[in-house]
Amino acid sequence: MRERISQAISWILVVDLGVVLVCFGWFMVAILGQSMNVNLGLKLWYDLWNPLILPAISLLMAGAIASGVMGWLSRRFPGEST
């Protein structure tokens, strides 16, 4: 059971990392466009900050902590199944 939970957390973290990296790339391109007076969606990126990007970053941090705790628990209690 613990292995299944750990794999699910890892899969969610990989997908979420992809979302965060895409959003970061979009932000960098939008900032570059803003410096050249080209609209590449910076305002839309700011509008999506609270409902999409911030929760994705928070989920990534929480998942990394949960993964670390699961690893610590598996090393601390190697013979028990949770």
N, C-alpha and C. Protein backbone atom coordinates (compact mmCIF):
# COMPACT_ATOMS: atom_id res chain seq x y z
N MET A 1 0.82 -1.19 0.00
CA MET A 1 0.00 0.00 0.00
C MET A 1 0.87 1.26 0.00
N ARG A 2 1.93 1.21 0.81
CA ARG A 2 2.81 2.38 0.89
C ARG A 2 3.49 2.63 -0.45
N GLU A 3 3.87 1.57 -1.13
CA GLU A 3 4.51 1.71 -2.44
C GLU A 3 3.55 2.31 -3.47
N ARG A 4 2.31 1.91 -3.41
CA ARG A 4 1.30 2.44 -4.33
C ARG A 4 1.07 3.93 -4.09
N ILE A 5 1.01 4.33 -2.84
CA ILE A 5 0.84 5.75 -2.50
C ILE A 5 2.05 6.54 -2.95
N SER A 6 3.23 5.99 -2.73
CA SER A 6 4.46 6.65 -3.13
C SER A 6 4.52 6.83 -4.65
N GLN A 7 4.11 5.81 -5.40
CA GLN A 7 4.10 5.93 -6.87
C GLN A 7 3.08 6.96 -7.33
N ALA A 8 1.93 7.02 -6.68
CA ALA A 8 0.91 8.01 -7.04
C ALA A 8 1.41 9.42 -6.78
N ILE A 9 2.06 9.62 -5.64
CA ILE A 9 2.61 10.94 -5.32
C ILE A 9 3.68 11.32 -6.33
N SER A 10 4.52 10.37 -6.69
CA SER A 10 5.59 10.64 -7.67
C SER A 10 5.01 11.01 -9.03
N TRP A 11 3.98 10.31 -9.46
CA TRP A 11 3.35 10.61 -10.75
C TRP A 11 2.72 12.00 -10.74
N ILE A 12 2.01 12.33 -9.66
CA ILE A 12 1.40 13.66 -9.54
C ILE A 12 2.47 14.74 -9.55
N LEU A 13 3.59 14.49 -8.87
CA LEU A 13 4.67 15.47 -8.84
C LEU A 13 5.29 15.68 -10.22
N VAL A 14 5.42 14.64 -11.00
CA VAL A 14 5.98 14.78 -12.34
C VAL A 14 5.07 15.62 -13.23
N VAL A 15 3.78 15.34 -13.18
CA VAL A 15 2.82 16.11 -13.98
C VAL A 15 2.79 17.56 -13.51
N ASP A 16 2.77 17.76 -12.21
CA ASP A 16 2.73 19.11 -11.66
C ASP A 16 4.00 19.88 -11.97
N LEU A 17 5.14 19.21 -11.94
CA LEU A 17 6.39 19.87 -12.31
C LEU A 17 6.33 20.34 -13.76
N GLY A 18 5.75 19.54 -14.63
CA GLY A 18 5.58 19.95 -16.02
C GLY A 18 4.73 21.20 -16.14
N VAL A 19 3.63 21.25 -15.38
CA VAL A 19 2.76 22.43 -15.40
C VAL A 19 3.52 23.66 -14.91
N VAL A 20 4.25 23.51 -13.82
CA VAL A 20 5.00 24.64 -13.26
C VAL A 20 6.08 25.11 -14.24
N LEU A 21 6.78 24.18 -14.88
CA LEU A 21 7.82 24.57 -15.83
C LEU A 21 7.24 25.26 -17.06
N VAL A 22 6.10 24.78 -17.53
CA VAL A 22 5.45 25.44 -18.67
C VAL A 22 5.03 26.85 -18.29
N CYS A 23 4.47 27.01 -17.10
CA CYS A 23 4.06 28.35 -16.64
C CYS A 23 5.26 29.27 -16.47
N PHE A 24 6.37 28.72 -15.98
CA PHE A 24 7.58 29.52 -15.85
C PHE A 24 8.10 29.95 -17.22
N GLY A 25 8.10 29.03 -18.17
CA GLY A 25 8.52 29.38 -19.52
C GLY A 25 7.63 30.45 -20.14
N TRP A 26 6.33 30.31 -19.94
CA TRP A 26 5.38 31.30 -20.43
C TRP A 26 5.68 32.67 -19.80
N PHE A 27 5.95 32.68 -18.50
CA PHE A 27 6.25 33.93 -17.81
C PHE A 27 7.50 34.58 -18.39
N MET A 28 8.55 33.78 -18.62
CA MET A 28 9.79 34.35 -19.16
C MET A 28 9.58 34.92 -20.56
N VAL A 29 8.83 34.20 -21.39
CA VAL A 29 8.56 34.69 -22.74
C VAL A 29 7.70 35.96 -22.69
N ALA A 30 6.72 35.98 -21.79
CA ALA A 30 5.85 37.15 -21.66
C ALA A 30 6.62 38.36 -21.17
N ILE A 31 7.55 38.16 -20.24
CA ILE A 31 8.39 39.27 -19.76
C ILE A 31 9.28 39.79 -20.89
N LEU A 32 9.85 38.88 -21.66
CA LEU A 32 10.67 39.29 -22.80
C LEU A 32 9.83 40.08 -23.81
N GLY A 33 8.63 39.59 -24.08
CA GLY A 33 7.74 40.30 -24.99
C GLY A 33 7.35 41.67 -24.45
N GLN A 34 7.12 41.75 -23.14
CA GLN A 34 6.77 43.04 -22.52
C GLN A 34 7.91 44.04 -22.69
N SER A 35 9.15 43.58 -22.61
CA SER A 35 10.29 44.49 -22.76
C SER A 35 10.42 44.99 -24.19
N MET A 36 9.86 44.24 -25.14
CA MET A 36 9.90 44.66 -26.54
C MET A 36 8.55 45.24 -27.00
N ASN A 37 7.67 45.52 -26.03
CA ASN A 37 6.34 46.08 -26.31
C ASN A 37 5.49 45.17 -27.19
N VAL A 38 5.60 43.86 -26.97
CA VAL A 38 4.78 42.88 -27.67
C VAL A 38 3.94 42.16 -26.62
N ASN A 39 2.64 42.09 -26.85
CA ASN A 39 1.75 41.45 -25.89
C ASN A 39 1.79 39.93 -26.09
N LEU A 40 2.39 39.23 -25.12
CA LEU A 40 2.47 37.77 -25.19
C LEU A 40 1.76 37.11 -24.01
N GLY A 41 0.81 37.81 -23.43
CA GLY A 41 -0.04 37.21 -22.41
C GLY A 41 0.41 37.40 -20.98
N LEU A 42 1.14 38.46 -20.69
CA LEU A 42 1.59 38.69 -19.32
C LEU A 42 0.41 38.98 -18.40
N LYS A 43 -0.56 39.76 -18.89
CA LYS A 43 -1.73 40.06 -18.06
C LYS A 43 -2.53 38.79 -17.78
N LEU A 44 -2.69 37.94 -18.77
CA LEU A 44 -3.37 36.66 -18.56
C LEU A 44 -2.61 35.79 -17.56
N TRP A 45 -1.29 35.80 -17.66
CA TRP A 45 -0.47 35.04 -16.71
C TRP A 45 -0.71 35.54 -15.29
N TYR A 46 -0.73 36.87 -15.12
CA TYR A 46 -1.01 37.43 -13.80
C TYR A 46 -2.42 37.07 -13.33
N ASP A 47 -3.38 37.06 -14.25
CA ASP A 47 -4.75 36.69 -13.88
C ASP A 47 -4.85 35.23 -13.46
N LEU A 48 -3.99 34.38 -14.01
CA LEU A 48 -4.01 32.95 -13.67
C LEU A 48 -3.12 32.62 -12.48
N TRP A 49 -2.44 33.61 -11.92
CA TRP A 49 -1.52 33.35 -10.81
C TRP A 49 -2.22 32.70 -9.62
N ASN A 50 -3.28 33.34 -9.10
CA ASN A 50 -3.96 32.81 -7.92
C ASN A 50 -4.76 31.53 -8.18
N PRO A 51 -5.54 31.46 -9.24
CA PRO A 51 -6.36 30.24 -9.38
C PRO A 51 -5.62 29.02 -9.95
N LEU A 52 -4.46 29.19 -10.61
CA LEU A 52 -3.81 28.05 -11.26
C LEU A 52 -2.35 27.88 -10.86
N ILE A 53 -1.57 28.91 -11.01
CA ILE A 53 -0.12 28.75 -10.88
C ILE A 53 0.31 28.61 -9.43
N LEU A 54 -0.21 29.45 -8.55
CA LEU A 54 0.15 29.36 -7.13
C LEU A 54 -0.25 28.01 -6.51
N PRO A 55 -1.47 27.50 -6.78
CA PRO A 55 -1.78 26.15 -6.27
C PRO A 55 -0.88 25.06 -6.85
N ALA A 56 -0.48 25.21 -8.11
CA ALA A 56 0.41 24.20 -8.71
C ALA A 56 1.77 24.20 -8.02
N ILE A 57 2.29 25.38 -7.71
CA ILE A 57 3.56 25.47 -6.99
C ILE A 57 3.40 24.92 -5.58
N SER A 58 2.28 25.24 -4.93
CA SER A 58 2.03 24.75 -3.57
C SER A 58 1.90 23.23 -3.55
N LEU A 59 1.22 22.67 -4.54
CA LEU A 59 1.08 21.22 -4.64
C LEU A 59 2.44 20.56 -4.85
N LEU A 60 3.29 21.19 -5.65
CA LEU A 60 4.62 20.66 -5.89
C LEU A 60 5.43 20.63 -4.59
N MET A 61 5.36 21.70 -3.81
CA MET A 61 6.08 21.73 -2.54
C MET A 61 5.51 20.73 -1.55
N ALA A 62 4.19 20.65 -1.45
CA ALA A 62 3.56 19.70 -0.52
C ALA A 62 3.86 18.27 -0.93
N GLY A 63 3.84 17.99 -2.21
CA GLY A 63 4.15 16.65 -2.70
C GLY A 63 5.59 16.26 -2.44
N ALA A 64 6.49 17.22 -2.60
CA ALA A 64 7.90 16.94 -2.31
C ALA A 64 8.09 16.64 -0.83
N ILE A 65 7.41 17.37 0.02
CA ILE A 65 7.49 17.10 1.47
C ILE A 65 6.88 15.74 1.77
N ALA A 66 5.72 15.43 1.19
CA ALA A 66 5.08 14.14 1.43
C ALA A 66 5.95 12.99 0.93
N SER A 67 6.60 13.18 -0.20
CA SER A 67 7.49 12.15 -0.72
C SER A 67 8.67 11.93 0.21
N GLY A 68 9.20 13.02 0.74
CA GLY A 68 10.29 12.91 1.69
C GLY A 68 9.87 12.20 2.97
N VAL A 69 8.67 12.52 3.46
CA VAL A 69 8.16 11.86 4.66
C VAL A 69 7.95 10.37 4.40
N MET A 70 7.40 10.03 3.25
CA MET A 70 7.20 8.62 2.91
C MET A 70 8.54 7.88 2.83
N GLY A 71 9.55 8.52 2.26
CA GLY A 71 10.87 7.92 2.22
C GLY A 71 11.46 7.74 3.60
N TRP A 72 11.29 8.74 4.44
CA TRP A 72 11.78 8.65 5.81
C TRP A 72 11.08 7.53 6.57
N LEU A 73 9.76 7.44 6.40
CA LEU A 73 9.00 6.39 7.07
C LEU A 73 9.42 5.00 6.59
N SER A 74 9.68 4.86 5.30
CA SER A 74 10.08 3.55 4.79
C SER A 74 11.46 3.15 5.29
N ARG A 75 12.34 4.12 5.53
CA ARG A 75 13.64 3.80 6.10
C ARG A 75 13.54 3.55 7.61
N ARG A 76 12.65 4.26 8.25
CA ARG A 76 12.49 4.15 9.71
C ARG A 76 11.80 2.85 10.11
N PHE A 77 10.79 2.46 9.34
CA PHE A 77 10.01 1.25 9.61
C PHE A 77 10.02 0.35 8.39
N PRO A 78 11.13 -0.31 8.08
CA PRO A 78 11.23 -1.05 6.81
C PRO A 78 10.33 -2.29 6.71
N GLY A 79 9.98 -2.92 7.82
CA GLY A 79 9.23 -4.16 7.73
C GLY A 79 7.74 -4.00 7.81
N GLU A 80 7.25 -2.81 8.14
CA GLU A 80 5.81 -2.61 8.33
C GLU A 80 5.18 -2.13 7.04
N SER A 81 3.95 -2.55 6.82
CA SER A 81 3.19 -2.04 5.67
C SER A 81 2.08 -1.16 6.21
N THR A 82 1.91 0.00 5.58
CA THR A 82 0.92 0.96 6.06
C THR A 82 -0.30 0.97 5.20
